[in-house]
Amino acid sequence: MKEQAALTPENMLQAYRRGVFPMSESADSAVLHWVEPQLRGIFPLQGFAISRSLRRRIRAGGYEVTCDRAFMDVVRACAARPQTWINQDLLELYQALHRDGHAHSVEVWIDGALAGGVFGLTIGRAFMGESMFSLRTDGSKIALAYLVDRLRRGGFVLFDTQFLTPHLASLGAVEIPQADYLAQLKSALTGEADFTGPAVPQPSGLMQLSTQMS
């Protein structure tokens, strides 16, 4: 882990292209560090696991899913934890990257309020997942399911989760050596994918995706 004094949106993207990413030690820290895990978490886009309970929740409806409607609200919700690696510099960088079309979010709304979401960066055919949050039961899981659908239909080939957590593993994420990740990243950086083009499917359409991935 190396200290990083200052970042711009462009050199942040360059870092992601090399397989490293910035983190802060806390929300109040003014220092950013480059991080290059030796074991990298990824979601195989054909391997997202929709549990029976999540299938029932998705079929039941009662929620709305949107893309990029409330990007900074999602980022701030992800940062609103007692311990977070997102400081003010990163908040501003994510906002700039969103304006430039490189950062996106998927939001889940229940009763008109933000219930969960996920955000990340897009480069080529790679999606670098940054963080997710949930304010209502299964809010982040629903967001992830719709995100995977969007990435598949948009032509993405790599979904980077940076680290593997037990929660992500339960949904189908796996851990691979950094060398293998860099090989996948190199391939994903060639060509283009479309994050914003795919329409949000109805729950029945998402269940069809689940069947195809099973």
C-alpha atoms as a PDB file:
ATOM      1  CA  MET A   1       0.000   0.000   0.000  1.00  0.00           C
ATOM      2  CA  LYS A   2       1.534   3.289  -1.135  1.00  0.00           C
ATOM      3  CA  GLU A   3       0.506   6.806  -0.212  1.00  0.00           C
ATOM      4  CA  GLN A   4      -1.116   8.820  -2.995  1.00  0.00           C
ATOM      5  CA  ALA A   5      -0.993  12.573  -2.540  1.00  0.00           C
ATOM      6  CA  ALA A   6      -3.430  13.828  -5.156  1.00  0.00           C
ATOM      7  CA  LEU A   7      -5.667  12.272  -7.758  1.00  0.00           C
ATOM      8  CA  THR A   8      -7.467  13.519 -10.824  1.00  0.00           C
ATOM      9  CA  PRO A   9     -10.247  11.627 -12.602  1.00  0.00           C
ATOM     10  CA  GLU A  10      -7.902  10.776 -15.469  1.00  0.00           C
ATOM     11  CA  ASN A  11      -5.011   9.378 -13.412  1.00  0.00           C
ATOM     12  CA  MET A  12      -7.530   7.514 -11.282  1.00  0.00           C
ATOM     13  CA  LEU A  13      -8.763   5.781 -14.445  1.00  0.00           C
ATOM     14  CA  GLN A  14      -5.171   5.094 -15.457  1.00  0.00           C
ATOM     15  CA  ALA A  15      -4.607   3.405 -12.107  1.00  0.00           C
ATOM     16  CA  TYR A  16      -7.640   1.161 -12.609  1.00  0.00           C
ATOM     17  CA  ARG A  17      -6.285   0.199 -16.021  1.00  0.00           C
ATOM     18  CA  ARG A  18      -3.136  -1.010 -14.238  1.00  0.00           C
ATOM     19  CA  GLY A  19      -5.122  -3.004 -11.683  1.00  0.00           C
ATOM     20  CA  VAL A  20      -4.764  -0.703  -8.667  1.00  0.00           C
ATOM     21  CA  PHE A  21      -7.284   1.542  -6.928  1.00  0.00           C
ATOM     22  CA  PRO A  22      -7.298   4.257  -4.224  1.00  0.00           C
ATOM     23  CA  MET A  23      -8.666   3.985  -0.690  1.00  0.00           C
ATOM     24  CA  SER A  24      -8.551   6.140   2.406  1.00  0.00           C
ATOM     25  CA  GLU A  25      -8.127   4.889   5.957  1.00  0.00           C
ATOM     26  CA  SER A  26     -11.240   6.765   7.102  1.00  0.00           C
ATOM     27  CA  ALA A  27     -13.718   9.449   6.105  1.00  0.00           C
ATOM     28  CA  ASP A  28     -11.674  12.049   7.995  1.00  0.00           C
ATOM     29  CA  SER A  29      -8.284  11.066   6.575  1.00  0.00           C
ATOM     30  CA  ALA A  30      -6.786  13.369   3.927  1.00  0.00           C
ATOM     31  CA  VAL A  31      -4.454  10.617   2.693  1.00  0.00           C
ATOM     32  CA  LEU A  32      -5.242   8.224  -0.136  1.00  0.00           C
ATOM     33  CA  HIS A  33      -3.376   4.981  -0.789  1.00  0.00           C
ATOM     34  CA  TRP A  34      -2.911   2.832  -3.870  1.00  0.00           C
ATOM     35  CA  VAL A  35      -4.128  -0.701  -3.203  1.00  0.00           C
ATOM     36  CA  GLU A  36      -3.204  -3.791  -5.249  1.00  0.00           C
ATOM     37  CA  PRO A  37      -4.587  -6.944  -3.609  1.00  0.00           C
ATOM     38  CA  GLN A  38      -2.681 -10.128  -4.311  1.00  0.00           C
ATOM     39  CA  LEU A  39      -6.036 -11.925  -4.323  1.00  0.00           C
ATOM     40  CA  ARG A  40      -8.789 -10.163  -6.235  1.00  0.00           C
ATOM     41  CA  GLY A  41     -12.552 -10.525  -5.895  1.00  0.00           C
ATOM     42  CA  ILE A  42     -14.638 -10.786  -9.068  1.00  0.00           C
ATOM     43  CA  PHE A  43     -18.201 -11.722 -10.000  1.00  0.00           C
ATOM     44  CA  PRO A  44     -18.285 -14.204 -12.893  1.00  0.00           C
ATOM     45  CA  LEU A  45     -21.128 -12.639 -14.853  1.00  0.00           C
ATOM     46  CA  GLN A  46     -22.642 -16.054 -15.509  1.00  0.00           C
ATOM     47  CA  GLY A  47     -22.414 -17.048 -11.859  1.00  0.00           C
ATOM     48  CA  PHE A  48     -24.492 -14.575  -9.848  1.00  0.00           C
ATOM     49  CA  ALA A  49     -26.502 -16.609  -7.331  1.00  0.00           C
ATOM     50  CA  ILE A  50     -30.125 -15.575  -6.817  1.00  0.00           C
ATOM     51  CA  SER A  51     -31.366 -17.439  -3.757  1.00  0.00           C
ATOM     52  CA  ARG A  52     -34.931 -18.718  -3.442  1.00  0.00           C
ATOM     53  CA  SER A  53     -35.758 -16.001  -0.936  1.00  0.00           C
ATOM     54  CA  LEU A  54     -34.363 -13.297  -3.237  1.00  0.00           C
ATOM     55  CA  ARG A  55     -36.288 -14.745  -6.194  1.00  0.00           C
ATOM     56  CA  ARG A  56     -39.482 -14.487  -4.155  1.00  0.00           C
ATOM     57  CA  ARG A  57     -38.641 -10.915  -3.154  1.00  0.00           C
ATOM     58  CA  ILE A  58     -37.937  -9.873  -6.740  1.00  0.00           C
ATOM     59  CA  ARG A  59     -41.137 -11.513  -8.032  1.00  0.00           C
ATOM     60  CA  ALA A  60     -43.184  -9.834  -5.302  1.00  0.00           C
ATOM     61  CA  GLY A  61     -42.318  -6.388  -6.657  1.00  0.00           C
ATOM     62  CA  GLY A  62     -43.180  -3.318  -4.637  1.00  0.00           C
ATOM     63  CA  TYR A  63     -39.922  -1.607  -5.589  1.00  0.00           C
ATOM     64  CA  GLU A  64     -38.543   0.493  -8.446  1.00  0.00           C
ATOM     65  CA  VAL A  65     -35.080   0.117  -9.984  1.00  0.00           C
ATOM     66  CA  THR A  66     -33.323   3.026 -11.698  1.00  0.00           C
ATOM     67  CA  CYS A  67     -29.924   3.751 -13.182  1.00  0.00           C
ATOM     68  CA  ASP A  68     -27.957   6.941 -12.413  1.00  0.00           C
ATOM     69  CA  ARG A  69     -30.994   8.736 -10.987  1.00  0.00           C
ATOM     70  CA  ALA A  70     -29.319   9.393  -7.620  1.00  0.00           C
ATOM     71  CA  PHE A  71     -25.642   8.606  -8.106  1.00  0.00           C
ATOM     72  CA  MET A  72     -24.213  10.813  -5.354  1.00  0.00           C
ATOM     73  CA  ASP A  73     -26.953   9.775  -2.927  1.00  0.00           C
ATOM     74  CA  VAL A  74     -25.808   6.176  -3.437  1.00  0.00           C
ATOM     75  CA  VAL A  75     -22.145   7.101  -2.929  1.00  0.00           C
ATOM     76  CA  ARG A  76     -22.910   9.075   0.228  1.00  0.00           C
ATOM     77  CA  ALA A  77     -25.047   6.228   1.587  1.00  0.00           C
ATOM     78  CA  CYS A  78     -22.150   3.828   0.986  1.00  0.00           C
ATOM     79  CA  ALA A  79     -19.847   6.214   2.854  1.00  0.00           C
ATOM     80  CA  ALA A  80     -22.272   6.728   5.766  1.00  0.00           C
ATOM     81  CA  ARG A  81     -20.818   3.963   7.920  1.00  0.00           C
ATOM     82  CA  PRO A  82     -18.887   4.125  11.200  1.00  0.00           C
ATOM     83  CA  GLN A  83     -15.833   2.872   9.277  1.00  0.00           C
ATOM     84  CA  THR A  84     -15.410   3.780   5.633  1.00  0.00           C
ATOM     85  CA  TRP A  85     -12.612   4.109   3.087  1.00  0.00           C
ATOM     86  CA  ILE A  86     -14.464   6.865   1.182  1.00  0.00           C
ATOM     87  CA  ASN A  87     -13.168  10.304   2.165  1.00  0.00           C
ATOM     88  CA  GLN A  88     -14.057  13.736   0.782  1.00  0.00           C
ATOM     89  CA  ASP A  89     -11.481  13.539  -2.009  1.00  0.00           C
ATOM     90  CA  LEU A  90     -12.967  10.275  -3.253  1.00  0.00           C
ATOM     91  CA  LEU A  91     -16.494  11.676  -3.041  1.00  0.00           C
ATOM     92  CA  GLU A  92     -15.445  14.530  -5.315  1.00  0.00           C
ATOM     93  CA  LEU A  93     -13.582  12.215  -7.686  1.00  0.00           C
ATOM     94  CA  TYR A  94     -16.563   9.884  -8.027  1.00  0.00           C
ATOM     95  CA  GLN A  95     -18.794  12.875  -8.743  1.00  0.00           C
ATOM     96  CA  ALA A  96     -16.407  14.084 -11.474  1.00  0.00           C
ATOM     97  CA  LEU A  97     -16.157  10.595 -12.973  1.00  0.00           C
ATOM     98  CA  HIS A  98     -19.948  10.361 -12.999  1.00  0.00           C
ATOM     99  CA  ARG A  99     -20.186  13.658 -14.873  1.00  0.00           C
ATOM    100  CA  ASP A 100     -17.666  12.284 -17.385  1.00  0.00           C
ATOM    101  CA  GLY A 101     -19.695   9.106 -17.918  1.00  0.00           C
ATOM    102  CA  HIS A 102     -17.265   6.733 -16.168  1.00  0.00           C
ATOM    103  CA  ALA A 103     -19.124   6.188 -12.879  1.00  0.00           C
ATOM    104  CA  HIS A 104     -22.622   4.756 -12.561  1.00  0.00           C
ATOM    105  CA  SER A 105     -25.135   3.579 -10.012  1.00  0.00           C
ATOM    106  CA  VAL A 106     -28.123   1.288  -9.764  1.00  0.00           C
ATOM    107  CA  GLU A 107     -30.754   2.384  -7.241  1.00  0.00           C
ATOM    108  CA  VAL A 108     -33.613   0.527  -5.579  1.00  0.00           C
ATOM    109  CA  TRP A 109     -36.582   2.562  -4.337  1.00  0.00           C
ATOM    110  CA  ILE A 110     -39.327   1.440  -1.969  1.00  0.00           C
ATOM    111  CA  ASP A 111     -42.246   3.716  -1.115  1.00  0.00           C
ATOM    112  CA  GLY A 112     -40.477   6.539  -2.939  1.00  0.00           C
ATOM    113  CA  ALA A 113     -37.352   6.346  -0.750  1.00  0.00           C
ATOM    114  CA  LEU A 114     -33.907   5.032  -1.585  1.00  0.00           C
ATOM    115  CA  ALA A 115     -33.729   1.498  -0.170  1.00  0.00           C
ATOM    116  CA  GLY A 116     -30.433   0.227  -1.559  1.00  0.00           C
ATOM    117  CA  GLY A 117     -27.916   0.678  -4.304  1.00  0.00           C
ATOM    118  CA  VAL A 118     -24.531  -0.073  -5.796  1.00  0.00           C
ATOM    119  CA  PHE A 119     -22.024   2.044  -7.721  1.00  0.00           C
ATOM    120  CA  GLY A 120     -18.803   1.604  -9.645  1.00  0.00           C
ATOM    121  CA  LEU A 121     -16.650   2.702 -12.562  1.00  0.00           C
ATOM    122  CA  THR A 122     -16.741   1.558 -16.179  1.00  0.00           C
ATOM    123  CA  ILE A 123     -13.685   1.313 -18.411  1.00  0.00           C
ATOM    124  CA  GLY A 124     -13.974  -0.526 -21.698  1.00  0.00           C
ATOM    125  CA  ARG A 125     -15.841  -3.748 -20.962  1.00  0.00           C
ATOM    126  CA  ALA A 126     -14.923  -3.756 -17.258  1.00  0.00           C
ATOM    127  CA  PHE A 127     -17.097  -2.671 -14.336  1.00  0.00           C
ATOM    128  CA  MET A 128     -15.157  -1.854 -11.163  1.00  0.00           C
ATOM    129  CA  GLY A 129     -17.611  -2.251  -8.316  1.00  0.00           C
ATOM    130  CA  GLU A 130     -16.875   0.219  -5.541  1.00  0.00           C
ATOM    131  CA  SER A 131     -19.502  -0.231  -2.851  1.00  0.00           C
ATOM    132  CA  MET A 132     -23.145  -0.962  -2.098  1.00  0.00           C
ATOM    133  CA  PHE A 133     -25.583  -0.256   0.707  1.00  0.00           C
ATOM    134  CA  SER A 134     -28.963  -1.381   1.958  1.00  0.00           C
ATOM    135  CA  LEU A 135     -31.501   0.541   4.031  1.00  0.00           C
ATOM    136  CA  ARG A 136     -34.287  -2.012   3.579  1.00  0.00           C
ATOM    137  CA  THR A 137     -34.136  -5.810   3.574  1.00  0.00           C
ATOM    138  CA  ASP A 138     -32.515  -7.129   0.376  1.00  0.00           C
ATOM    139  CA  GLY A 139     -32.048  -3.607  -1.020  1.00  0.00           C
ATOM    140  CA  SER A 140     -28.433  -4.190  -2.041  1.00  0.00           C
ATOM    141  CA  LYS A 141     -29.130  -7.729  -3.276  1.00  0.00           C
ATOM    142  CA  ILE A 142     -31.879  -6.506  -5.581  1.00  0.00           C
ATOM    143  CA  ALA A 143     -29.552  -3.779  -6.858  1.00  0.00           C
ATOM    144  CA  LEU A 144     -26.822  -6.337  -7.544  1.00  0.00           C
ATOM    145  CA  ALA A 145     -29.189  -8.634  -9.431  1.00  0.00           C
ATOM    146  CA  TYR A 146     -30.290  -5.813 -11.711  1.00  0.00           C
ATOM    147  CA  LEU A 147     -26.683  -4.645 -12.078  1.00  0.00           C
ATOM    148  CA  VAL A 148     -25.528  -8.083 -13.255  1.00  0.00           C
ATOM    149  CA  ASP A 149     -28.379  -8.138 -15.764  1.00  0.00           C
ATOM    150  CA  ARG A 150     -27.337  -4.695 -17.041  1.00  0.00           C
ATOM    151  CA  LEU A 151     -23.679  -5.678 -17.347  1.00  0.00           C
ATOM    152  CA  ARG A 152     -24.468  -8.858 -19.251  1.00  0.00           C
ATOM    153  CA  ARG A 153     -26.821  -7.168 -21.701  1.00  0.00           C
ATOM    154  CA  GLY A 154     -24.470  -4.194 -22.080  1.00  0.00           C
ATOM    155  CA  GLY A 155     -21.547  -6.341 -23.240  1.00  0.00           C
ATOM    156  CA  PHE A 156     -19.367  -6.275 -20.123  1.00  0.00           C
ATOM    157  CA  VAL A 157     -17.004  -9.193 -19.513  1.00  0.00           C
ATOM    158  CA  LEU A 158     -15.433  -8.304 -16.125  1.00  0.00           C
ATOM    159  CA  PHE A 159     -17.124  -7.367 -12.835  1.00  0.00           C
ATOM    160  CA  ASP A 160     -14.412  -6.478 -10.332  1.00  0.00           C
ATOM    161  CA  THR A 161     -15.382  -6.452  -6.631  1.00  0.00           C
ATOM    162  CA  GLN A 162     -11.832  -5.612  -5.445  1.00  0.00           C
ATOM    163  CA  PHE A 163     -12.040  -7.829  -2.353  1.00  0.00           C
ATOM    164  CA  LEU A 164     -14.031 -10.967  -1.567  1.00  0.00           C
ATOM    165  CA  THR A 165     -16.312 -10.810   1.471  1.00  0.00           C
ATOM    166  CA  PRO A 166     -18.501 -13.618   2.848  1.00  0.00           C
ATOM    167  CA  HIS A 167     -21.573 -11.682   1.678  1.00  0.00           C
ATOM    168  CA  LEU A 168     -20.257 -11.385  -1.896  1.00  0.00           C
ATOM    169  CA  ALA A 169     -19.157 -15.036  -1.879  1.00  0.00           C
ATOM    170  CA  SER A 170     -22.700 -16.080  -0.937  1.00  0.00           C
ATOM    171  CA  LEU A 171     -23.894 -14.331  -4.102  1.00  0.00           C
ATOM    172  CA  GLY A 172     -21.385 -16.064  -6.376  1.00  0.00           C
ATOM    173  CA  ALA A 173     -18.262 -13.893  -6.197  1.00  0.00           C
ATOM    174  CA  VAL A 174     -14.897 -15.660  -6.255  1.00  0.00           C
ATOM    175  CA  GLU A 175     -11.284 -14.839  -5.497  1.00  0.00           C
ATOM    176  CA  ILE A 176      -8.525 -15.096  -8.110  1.00  0.00           C
ATOM    177  CA  PRO A 177      -4.785 -14.275  -8.074  1.00  0.00           C
ATOM    178  CA  GLN A 178      -3.901 -10.746  -9.138  1.00  0.00           C
ATOM    179  CA  ALA A 179      -2.019 -12.099 -12.167  1.00  0.00           C
ATOM    180  CA  ASP A 180      -5.179 -13.810 -13.412  1.00  0.00           C
ATOM    181  CA  TYR A 181      -7.151 -10.648 -12.741  1.00  0.00           C
ATOM    182  CA  LEU A 182      -4.698  -8.572 -14.781  1.00  0.00           C
ATOM    183  CA  ALA A 183      -5.076 -10.987 -17.694  1.00  0.00           C
ATOM    184  CA  GLN A 184      -8.861 -10.650 -17.565  1.00  0.00           C
ATOM    185  CA  LEU A 185      -8.549  -6.879 -17.193  1.00  0.00           C
ATOM    186  CA  LYS A 186      -6.314  -6.618 -20.256  1.00  0.00           C
ATOM    187  CA  SER A 187      -8.947  -8.372 -22.338  1.00  0.00           C
ATOM    188  CA  ALA A 188     -11.777  -6.296 -20.838  1.00  0.00           C
ATOM    189  CA  LEU A 189     -10.029  -3.021 -21.692  1.00  0.00           C
ATOM    190  CA  THR A 190     -10.331  -3.824 -25.398  1.00  0.00           C
ATOM    191  CA  GLY A 191     -13.627  -2.903 -27.010  1.00  0.00           C
ATOM    192  CA  GLU A 192     -16.572  -1.001 -25.588  1.00  0.00           C
ATOM    193  CA  ALA A 193     -19.607  -1.850 -23.485  1.00  0.00           C
ATOM    194  CA  ASP A 194     -22.813   0.092 -22.823  1.00  0.00           C
ATOM    195  CA  PHE A 195     -23.925   0.629 -19.233  1.00  0.00           C
ATOM    196  CA  THR A 196     -26.773   3.082 -19.778  1.00  0.00           C
ATOM    197  CA  GLY A 197     -28.387   1.553 -22.886  1.00  0.00           C
ATOM    198  CA  PRO A 198     -30.131  -1.557 -21.502  1.00  0.00           C
ATOM    199  CA  ALA A 199     -33.628  -0.923 -20.173  1.00  0.00           C
ATOM    200  CA  VAL A 200     -34.557  -1.993 -16.652  1.00  0.00           C
ATOM    201  CA  PRO A 201     -36.315  -5.364 -17.033  1.00  0.00           C
ATOM    202  CA  GLN A 202     -39.545  -6.373 -15.348  1.00  0.00           C
ATOM    203  CA  PRO A 203     -39.118  -8.891 -12.474  1.00  0.00           C
ATOM    204  CA  SER A 204     -40.157 -11.718 -14.817  1.00  0.00           C
ATOM    205  CA  GLY A 205     -37.342 -10.753 -17.180  1.00  0.00           C
ATOM    206  CA  LEU A 206     -34.840 -10.798 -14.362  1.00  0.00           C
ATOM    207  CA  MET A 207     -36.011 -14.263 -13.349  1.00  0.00           C
ATOM    208  CA  GLN A 208     -35.360 -15.401 -16.919  1.00  0.00           C
ATOM    209  CA  LEU A 209     -31.802 -14.136 -16.518  1.00  0.00           C
ATOM    210  CA  SER A 210     -31.511 -16.123 -13.284  1.00  0.00           C
ATOM    211  CA  THR A 211     -32.658 -19.296 -15.055  1.00  0.00           C
ATOM    212  CA  GLN A 212     -30.112 -18.772 -17.835  1.00  0.00           C
ATOM    213  CA  MET A 213     -27.314 -18.395 -15.274  1.00  0.00           C
ATOM    214  CA  SER A 214     -28.313 -21.457 -13.226  1.00  0.00           C
END
